[in-house]
Amino acid sequence: MIAISSRLVKRSWNTISFASTLYLVPILDLLLAEIPPQWRSEVRLGLQEALVNAAKHGNNLDPCKTVLVRFSVISDQYWWVISDQGAGFKPPQCCSIDLERSVVCNENECGRGLYILHQIFDRVQWNRQGTELSLCKRVKDPSRLPVVP
C-alpha cells in the first residue's frame, strides 16, 4: 500500500509512505512528476538507489516496516528526505564531497550506491542515527548538465 499526503509548513511538503518493497515504479513515478524531463533519468537512478537502500538495507525488506519520503520543490532545488525504520547507517568517511564538487571516494571505497548518490545529487546527508537521508538536486545550475542522458 502507498499512502500520500500533503501539508503546508512554510513550504509545501508532500509525503509518500510505503511498505518495504523493491517494486518502486509507482513511487518513483510520483517522486519524479515535477522533475524537468532532461533530469528525470538521472534523478530516477539516484532515487531508486536511495529507496532500495532504505527498503533492503534499512528495513531488511520487512513488509511490516515502512519507508517514508518527504519531498518538496524550493526555487530550483528539489528535496527528498527518505526515512527507514532500520537500525541506522554510518556512511564511510571517504564518502564526502570537497568544495569543488569532486567526490573524495571512488566506487570501490564506499560502494556503488553511495558513489551514485554523490555523483547525482548536489547534497547528500544522513541524520545522526543514519535512518534518514536528505537529498537535494539543483536543476537550473548552468554549470552542470545531466550525467545520465
N, C-alpha and C. Protein backbone atom coordinates (compact mmCIF):
# COMPACT_ATOMS: atom_id res chain seq x y z
N MET A 1 0.83 -1.17 0.00
CA MET A 1 0.00 0.00 0.00
C MET A 1 0.88 1.24 0.00
N ILE A 2 0.46 2.25 -0.76
CA ILE A 2 1.15 3.53 -0.82
C ILE A 2 0.23 4.58 -0.23
N ALA A 3 0.76 5.36 0.70
CA ALA A 3 -0.01 6.46 1.29
C ALA A 3 0.63 7.77 0.87
N ILE A 4 -0.20 8.74 0.47
CA ILE A 4 0.28 10.04 0.02
C ILE A 4 -0.43 11.12 0.82
N SER A 5 0.33 12.13 1.27
CA SER A 5 -0.29 13.27 1.95
C SER A 5 0.46 14.53 1.57
N SER A 6 -0.17 15.66 1.80
CA SER A 6 0.42 16.95 1.52
C SER A 6 0.10 17.86 2.69
N ARG A 7 1.10 18.65 3.13
CA ARG A 7 0.85 19.58 4.22
C ARG A 7 1.67 20.85 3.99
N LEU A 8 1.18 21.95 4.49
CA LEU A 8 1.88 23.22 4.36
C LEU A 8 2.56 23.57 5.67
N VAL A 9 3.87 23.67 5.63
CA VAL A 9 4.65 24.13 6.77
C VAL A 9 5.70 25.08 6.20
N LYS A 10 5.38 26.35 6.13
CA LYS A 10 6.20 27.37 5.49
C LYS A 10 6.36 27.10 3.99
N ARG A 11 6.61 25.88 3.61
CA ARG A 11 6.68 25.47 2.22
C ARG A 11 5.83 24.23 2.08
N SER A 12 5.53 23.90 0.87
CA SER A 12 4.70 22.72 0.64
C SER A 12 5.56 21.46 0.60
N TRP A 13 5.31 20.55 1.52
CA TRP A 13 5.98 19.25 1.54
C TRP A 13 4.93 18.18 1.32
N ASN A 14 5.24 17.25 0.45
CA ASN A 14 4.38 16.09 0.23
C ASN A 14 5.04 14.89 0.88
N THR A 15 4.25 13.91 1.22
CA THR A 15 4.77 12.71 1.88
C THR A 15 4.21 11.47 1.20
N ILE A 16 5.09 10.50 0.98
CA ILE A 16 4.70 9.19 0.49
C ILE A 16 5.27 8.18 1.47
N SER A 17 4.47 7.22 1.88
CA SER A 17 4.99 6.12 2.68
C SER A 17 4.54 4.82 2.05
N PHE A 18 5.39 3.81 2.16
CA PHE A 18 5.07 2.52 1.56
C PHE A 18 5.78 1.41 2.33
N ALA A 19 5.17 0.23 2.29
CA ALA A 19 5.78 -0.94 2.93
C ALA A 19 7.07 -1.27 2.21
N SER A 20 8.05 -1.78 2.93
CA SER A 20 9.35 -2.10 2.35
C SER A 20 9.19 -3.10 1.21
N THR A 21 9.52 -2.65 0.03
CA THR A 21 9.43 -3.46 -1.18
C THR A 21 10.44 -2.95 -2.19
N LEU A 22 10.76 -3.78 -3.14
CA LEU A 22 11.63 -3.35 -4.23
C LEU A 22 10.83 -2.99 -5.48
N TYR A 23 9.50 -3.09 -5.40
CA TYR A 23 8.66 -2.67 -6.51
C TYR A 23 8.43 -1.16 -6.36
N LEU A 24 9.29 -0.40 -7.01
CA LEU A 24 9.34 1.04 -6.77
C LEU A 24 8.82 1.88 -7.94
N VAL A 25 8.39 1.27 -9.02
CA VAL A 25 7.98 2.02 -10.20
C VAL A 25 6.92 3.08 -9.89
N PRO A 26 5.80 2.74 -9.22
CA PRO A 26 4.80 3.79 -8.96
C PRO A 26 5.30 4.88 -8.02
N ILE A 27 6.15 4.53 -7.08
CA ILE A 27 6.69 5.51 -6.14
C ILE A 27 7.62 6.47 -6.88
N LEU A 28 8.51 5.91 -7.70
CA LEU A 28 9.42 6.75 -8.48
C LEU A 28 8.66 7.67 -9.42
N ASP A 29 7.62 7.14 -10.05
CA ASP A 29 6.82 7.97 -10.96
C ASP A 29 6.22 9.17 -10.22
N LEU A 30 5.73 8.96 -9.01
CA LEU A 30 5.19 10.06 -8.21
C LEU A 30 6.27 11.06 -7.82
N LEU A 31 7.42 10.56 -7.43
CA LEU A 31 8.50 11.43 -6.97
C LEU A 31 9.13 12.23 -8.11
N LEU A 32 9.00 11.74 -9.34
CA LEU A 32 9.62 12.40 -10.49
C LEU A 32 8.65 13.26 -11.29
N ALA A 33 7.41 13.33 -10.88
CA ALA A 33 6.38 14.01 -11.67
C ALA A 33 6.73 15.47 -11.99
N GLU A 34 7.37 16.17 -11.09
CA GLU A 34 7.67 17.58 -11.29
C GLU A 34 9.09 17.85 -11.80
N ILE A 35 9.89 16.81 -11.96
CA ILE A 35 11.27 16.98 -12.41
C ILE A 35 11.29 17.32 -13.90
N PRO A 36 12.08 18.30 -14.31
CA PRO A 36 12.19 18.60 -15.74
C PRO A 36 12.65 17.36 -16.52
N PRO A 37 12.11 17.15 -17.71
CA PRO A 37 12.37 15.92 -18.48
C PRO A 37 13.85 15.59 -18.67
N GLN A 38 14.70 16.58 -18.90
CA GLN A 38 16.11 16.30 -19.15
C GLN A 38 16.83 15.75 -17.92
N TRP A 39 16.26 15.90 -16.74
CA TRP A 39 16.87 15.43 -15.50
C TRP A 39 16.25 14.13 -14.97
N ARG A 40 15.15 13.69 -15.54
CA ARG A 40 14.41 12.56 -14.97
C ARG A 40 15.21 11.26 -14.90
N SER A 41 15.92 10.89 -15.96
CA SER A 41 16.67 9.63 -15.94
C SER A 41 17.71 9.61 -14.84
N GLU A 42 18.43 10.70 -14.73
CA GLU A 42 19.48 10.80 -13.72
C GLU A 42 18.90 10.74 -12.31
N VAL A 43 17.88 11.54 -12.05
CA VAL A 43 17.28 11.59 -10.71
C VAL A 43 16.59 10.25 -10.39
N ARG A 44 15.97 9.61 -11.39
CA ARG A 44 15.36 8.30 -11.18
C ARG A 44 16.41 7.30 -10.68
N LEU A 45 17.56 7.28 -11.32
CA LEU A 45 18.62 6.36 -10.91
C LEU A 45 19.02 6.61 -9.46
N GLY A 46 19.22 7.89 -9.09
CA GLY A 46 19.62 8.21 -7.72
C GLY A 46 18.55 7.90 -6.70
N LEU A 47 17.30 8.26 -7.00
CA LEU A 47 16.23 7.97 -6.05
C LEU A 47 15.99 6.48 -5.91
N GLN A 48 16.08 5.76 -7.01
CA GLN A 48 15.92 4.30 -6.94
C GLN A 48 16.98 3.70 -6.02
N GLU A 49 18.20 4.14 -6.16
CA GLU A 49 19.28 3.64 -5.31
C GLU A 49 19.00 3.95 -3.84
N ALA A 50 18.56 5.17 -3.55
CA ALA A 50 18.27 5.56 -2.16
C ALA A 50 17.09 4.77 -1.59
N LEU A 51 16.04 4.57 -2.39
CA LEU A 51 14.86 3.83 -1.91
C LEU A 51 15.17 2.35 -1.71
N VAL A 52 15.94 1.77 -2.62
CA VAL A 52 16.35 0.36 -2.45
C VAL A 52 17.16 0.22 -1.17
N ASN A 53 18.09 1.13 -0.94
CA ASN A 53 18.89 1.07 0.30
C ASN A 53 18.00 1.14 1.54
N ALA A 54 17.01 2.02 1.54
CA ALA A 54 16.13 2.16 2.70
C ALA A 54 15.30 0.89 2.92
N ALA A 55 14.71 0.36 1.86
CA ALA A 55 13.85 -0.82 1.98
C ALA A 55 14.66 -2.08 2.26
N LYS A 56 15.76 -2.26 1.53
CA LYS A 56 16.53 -3.51 1.62
C LYS A 56 17.51 -3.51 2.80
N HIS A 57 18.35 -2.50 2.88
CA HIS A 57 19.38 -2.48 3.92
C HIS A 57 18.87 -1.90 5.23
N GLY A 58 18.02 -0.87 5.15
CA GLY A 58 17.47 -0.27 6.36
C GLY A 58 16.42 -1.15 7.00
N ASN A 59 15.39 -1.50 6.23
CA ASN A 59 14.25 -2.25 6.77
C ASN A 59 14.32 -3.76 6.52
N ASN A 60 15.38 -4.22 5.91
CA ASN A 60 15.55 -5.66 5.63
C ASN A 60 14.36 -6.26 4.89
N LEU A 61 13.73 -5.46 4.03
CA LEU A 61 12.55 -5.87 3.25
C LEU A 61 11.43 -6.42 4.13
N ASP A 62 11.37 -5.97 5.37
CA ASP A 62 10.30 -6.36 6.30
C ASP A 62 9.03 -5.62 5.90
N PRO A 63 7.99 -6.32 5.44
CA PRO A 63 6.77 -5.65 4.98
C PRO A 63 6.01 -4.93 6.10
N CYS A 64 6.37 -5.21 7.35
CA CYS A 64 5.74 -4.51 8.47
C CYS A 64 6.39 -3.14 8.72
N LYS A 65 7.55 -2.90 8.11
CA LYS A 65 8.25 -1.62 8.25
C LYS A 65 7.99 -0.78 7.00
N THR A 66 7.97 0.53 7.20
CA THR A 66 7.70 1.42 6.07
C THR A 66 8.89 2.31 5.76
N VAL A 67 8.89 2.78 4.52
CA VAL A 67 9.82 3.82 4.07
C VAL A 67 8.97 5.07 3.90
N LEU A 68 9.45 6.17 4.43
CA LEU A 68 8.74 7.44 4.36
C LEU A 68 9.58 8.39 3.52
N VAL A 69 8.95 9.05 2.55
CA VAL A 69 9.64 10.02 1.71
C VAL A 69 8.88 11.34 1.77
N ARG A 70 9.57 12.37 2.25
CA ARG A 70 9.03 13.73 2.20
C ARG A 70 9.74 14.43 1.04
N PHE A 71 9.00 15.19 0.25
CA PHE A 71 9.63 15.85 -0.89
C PHE A 71 9.00 17.21 -1.16
N SER A 72 9.84 18.09 -1.70
CA SER A 72 9.40 19.46 -1.94
C SER A 72 10.26 20.08 -3.03
N VAL A 73 9.71 21.13 -3.64
CA VAL A 73 10.46 21.95 -4.59
C VAL A 73 10.57 23.33 -3.98
N ILE A 74 11.80 23.80 -3.84
CA ILE A 74 12.06 25.11 -3.28
C ILE A 74 12.95 25.85 -4.28
N SER A 75 12.33 26.78 -4.98
CA SER A 75 13.01 27.52 -6.04
C SER A 75 13.45 26.52 -7.11
N ASP A 76 14.74 26.44 -7.41
CA ASP A 76 15.22 25.47 -8.41
C ASP A 76 15.78 24.21 -7.75
N GLN A 77 15.52 24.03 -6.46
CA GLN A 77 16.04 22.87 -5.73
C GLN A 77 14.93 21.88 -5.45
N TYR A 78 15.20 20.64 -5.77
CA TYR A 78 14.28 19.54 -5.48
C TYR A 78 14.86 18.78 -4.28
N TRP A 79 14.03 18.58 -3.25
CA TRP A 79 14.46 17.96 -2.00
C TRP A 79 13.69 16.67 -1.75
N TRP A 80 14.38 15.66 -1.27
CA TRP A 80 13.78 14.41 -0.83
C TRP A 80 14.41 14.05 0.51
N VAL A 81 13.58 13.68 1.46
CA VAL A 81 14.07 13.20 2.76
C VAL A 81 13.48 11.80 2.92
N ILE A 82 14.36 10.80 2.91
CA ILE A 82 13.96 9.39 2.91
C ILE A 82 14.30 8.79 4.27
N SER A 83 13.28 8.25 4.95
CA SER A 83 13.47 7.67 6.28
C SER A 83 13.09 6.20 6.27
N ASP A 84 13.87 5.40 7.00
CA ASP A 84 13.51 4.00 7.18
C ASP A 84 13.40 3.69 8.67
N GLN A 85 12.98 2.49 9.00
CA GLN A 85 12.81 2.08 10.40
C GLN A 85 13.88 1.09 10.82
N GLY A 86 15.04 1.15 10.17
CA GLY A 86 16.12 0.23 10.46
C GLY A 86 16.97 0.66 11.65
N ALA A 87 18.07 -0.05 11.84
CA ALA A 87 18.96 0.19 12.97
C ALA A 87 19.88 1.39 12.74
N GLY A 88 19.97 1.87 11.53
CA GLY A 88 20.81 3.02 11.24
C GLY A 88 22.01 2.66 10.38
N PHE A 89 22.65 3.68 9.87
CA PHE A 89 23.75 3.52 8.93
C PHE A 89 24.75 4.63 9.18
N LYS A 90 26.01 4.29 9.18
CA LYS A 90 27.07 5.29 9.30
C LYS A 90 27.88 5.23 8.02
N PRO A 91 27.74 6.25 7.16
CA PRO A 91 28.48 6.23 5.90
C PRO A 91 29.97 6.32 6.15
N PRO A 92 30.77 5.67 5.31
CA PRO A 92 32.22 5.74 5.46
C PRO A 92 32.71 7.18 5.36
N GLN A 93 33.79 7.49 6.03
CA GLN A 93 34.36 8.84 6.00
C GLN A 93 34.75 9.25 4.58
N CYS A 94 35.08 8.27 3.75
CA CYS A 94 35.54 8.61 2.40
C CYS A 94 34.42 9.18 1.54
N CYS A 95 33.19 8.98 1.93
CA CYS A 95 32.07 9.47 1.11
C CYS A 95 31.72 10.89 1.50
N SER A 96 32.43 11.82 0.91
CA SER A 96 32.14 13.23 1.11
C SER A 96 32.50 13.97 -0.16
N ILE A 97 32.05 15.19 -0.24
CA ILE A 97 32.32 15.98 -1.43
C ILE A 97 33.16 17.18 -1.01
N ASP A 98 34.21 17.45 -1.76
CA ASP A 98 35.01 18.62 -1.43
C ASP A 98 34.36 19.87 -2.02
N LEU A 99 34.95 21.02 -1.77
CA LEU A 99 34.33 22.28 -2.16
C LEU A 99 34.23 22.46 -3.67
N GLU A 100 34.99 21.74 -4.44
CA GLU A 100 34.94 21.90 -5.88
C GLU A 100 34.09 20.84 -6.55
N ARG A 101 33.21 20.19 -5.79
CA ARG A 101 32.20 19.24 -6.29
C ARG A 101 32.80 17.92 -6.77
N SER A 102 34.00 17.59 -6.33
CA SER A 102 34.54 16.30 -6.73
C SER A 102 34.35 15.31 -5.58
N VAL A 103 34.02 14.09 -5.92
CA VAL A 103 33.79 13.07 -4.91
C VAL A 103 35.13 12.58 -4.39
N VAL A 104 35.25 12.52 -3.08
CA VAL A 104 36.51 12.13 -2.46
C VAL A 104 36.68 10.62 -2.47
N CYS A 105 35.63 9.87 -2.64
CA CYS A 105 35.74 8.42 -2.66
C CYS A 105 35.56 7.91 -4.08
N ASN A 106 35.88 6.66 -4.27
CA ASN A 106 35.57 6.04 -5.55
C ASN A 106 34.64 4.87 -5.29
N GLU A 107 34.16 4.27 -6.34
CA GLU A 107 33.14 3.21 -6.22
C GLU A 107 33.59 2.06 -5.34
N ASN A 108 34.87 1.71 -5.37
CA ASN A 108 35.36 0.58 -4.59
C ASN A 108 35.49 0.90 -3.10
N GLU A 109 35.70 2.18 -2.76
CA GLU A 109 35.88 2.55 -1.36
C GLU A 109 34.58 2.67 -0.59
N CYS A 110 33.53 3.20 -1.22
CA CYS A 110 32.32 3.46 -0.45
C CYS A 110 31.10 2.76 -1.01
N GLY A 111 31.24 1.94 -1.97
CA GLY A 111 30.12 1.21 -2.52
C GLY A 111 29.47 1.93 -3.69
N ARG A 112 28.95 1.15 -4.60
CA ARG A 112 28.35 1.67 -5.82
C ARG A 112 27.21 2.64 -5.53
N GLY A 113 26.34 2.27 -4.59
CA GLY A 113 25.18 3.10 -4.30
C GLY A 113 25.54 4.48 -3.77
N LEU A 114 26.46 4.53 -2.83
CA LEU A 114 26.86 5.82 -2.28
C LEU A 114 27.58 6.66 -3.32
N TYR A 115 28.37 6.01 -4.14
CA TYR A 115 29.06 6.70 -5.22
C TYR A 115 28.05 7.34 -6.18
N ILE A 116 27.02 6.58 -6.55
CA ILE A 116 25.97 7.09 -7.44
C ILE A 116 25.28 8.30 -6.81
N LEU A 117 24.90 8.19 -5.55
CA LEU A 117 24.22 9.30 -4.87
C LEU A 117 25.05 10.58 -4.92
N HIS A 118 26.35 10.45 -4.65
CA HIS A 118 27.21 11.63 -4.63
C HIS A 118 27.46 12.18 -6.04
N GLN A 119 27.35 11.35 -7.04
CA GLN A 119 27.50 11.82 -8.42
C GLN A 119 26.26 12.57 -8.90
N ILE A 120 25.09 12.14 -8.47
CA ILE A 120 23.84 12.67 -8.99
C ILE A 120 23.33 13.88 -8.22
N PHE A 121 23.38 13.83 -6.90
CA PHE A 121 22.77 14.87 -6.09
C PHE A 121 23.78 15.92 -5.65
N ASP A 122 23.29 17.14 -5.47
CA ASP A 122 24.14 18.24 -5.04
C ASP A 122 24.37 18.22 -3.53
N ARG A 123 23.46 17.57 -2.83
CA ARG A 123 23.61 17.44 -1.38
C ARG A 123 23.16 16.05 -0.97
N VAL A 124 24.00 15.36 -0.20
CA VAL A 124 23.71 14.02 0.31
C VAL A 124 24.10 14.04 1.78
N GLN A 125 23.10 13.87 2.66
CA GLN A 125 23.40 13.97 4.10
C GLN A 125 22.49 13.06 4.90
N TRP A 126 23.08 12.31 5.84
CA TRP A 126 22.31 11.45 6.74
C TRP A 126 22.15 12.12 8.09
N ASN A 127 21.07 11.75 8.80
CA ASN A 127 20.93 12.22 10.18
C ASN A 127 21.91 11.44 11.06
N ARG A 128 22.01 11.82 12.33
CA ARG A 128 22.98 11.17 13.23
C ARG A 128 22.72 9.69 13.43
N GLN A 129 21.44 9.29 13.40
CA GLN A 129 21.10 7.89 13.60
C GLN A 129 21.33 7.06 12.35
N GLY A 130 21.44 7.71 11.21
CA GLY A 130 21.63 7.00 9.95
C GLY A 130 20.37 6.36 9.42
N THR A 131 19.22 6.88 9.84
CA THR A 131 17.94 6.34 9.39
C THR A 131 17.20 7.30 8.47
N GLU A 132 17.81 8.46 8.21
CA GLU A 132 17.16 9.45 7.37
C GLU A 132 18.20 10.08 6.44
N LEU A 133 17.90 10.07 5.16
CA LEU A 133 18.79 10.59 4.13
C LEU A 133 18.14 11.80 3.47
N SER A 134 18.85 12.92 3.42
CA SER A 134 18.37 14.11 2.73
C SER A 134 19.14 14.26 1.42
N LEU A 135 18.39 14.46 0.35
CA LEU A 135 18.98 14.63 -0.98
C LEU A 135 18.47 15.92 -1.58
N CYS A 136 19.34 16.62 -2.28
CA CYS A 136 18.96 17.84 -2.96
C CYS A 136 19.54 17.83 -4.37
N LYS A 137 18.72 18.27 -5.32
CA LYS A 137 19.16 18.38 -6.71
C LYS A 137 18.78 19.76 -7.23
N ARG A 138 19.79 20.51 -7.69
CA ARG A 138 19.54 21.79 -8.34
C ARG A 138 19.46 21.53 -9.84
N VAL A 139 18.39 21.94 -10.46
CA VAL A 139 18.22 21.63 -11.89
C VAL A 139 18.46 22.82 -12.80
N LYS A 140 18.61 24.00 -12.25
CA LYS A 140 18.83 25.18 -13.09
C LYS A 140 20.26 25.68 -12.99
N ASP A 141 21.17 24.84 -12.59
CA ASP A 141 22.57 25.21 -12.49
C ASP A 141 23.19 25.16 -13.90
N PRO A 142 23.54 26.31 -14.48
CA PRO A 142 24.06 26.32 -15.85
C PRO A 142 25.41 25.64 -16.00
N SER A 143 26.13 25.44 -14.89
CA SER A 143 27.44 24.79 -14.98
C SER A 143 27.35 23.28 -15.01
N ARG A 144 26.15 22.72 -14.81
CA ARG A 144 26.01 21.27 -14.78
C ARG A 144 24.96 20.81 -15.77
N LEU A 145 25.26 19.73 -16.44
CA LEU A 145 24.31 19.07 -17.32
C LEU A 145 24.03 17.70 -16.76
N PRO A 146 22.91 17.06 -17.10
CA PRO A 146 22.64 15.72 -16.60
C PRO A 146 23.77 14.74 -16.93
N VAL A 147 24.11 13.89 -15.96
CA VAL A 147 25.11 12.85 -16.15
C VAL A 147 24.54 11.71 -16.97
N VAL A 148 23.29 11.37 -16.69
CA VAL A 148 22.59 10.29 -17.38
C VAL A 148 21.70 10.93 -18.44
N PRO A 149 21.90 10.59 -19.73
CA PRO A 149 21.09 11.21 -20.78
C PRO A 149 19.64 10.73 -20.77
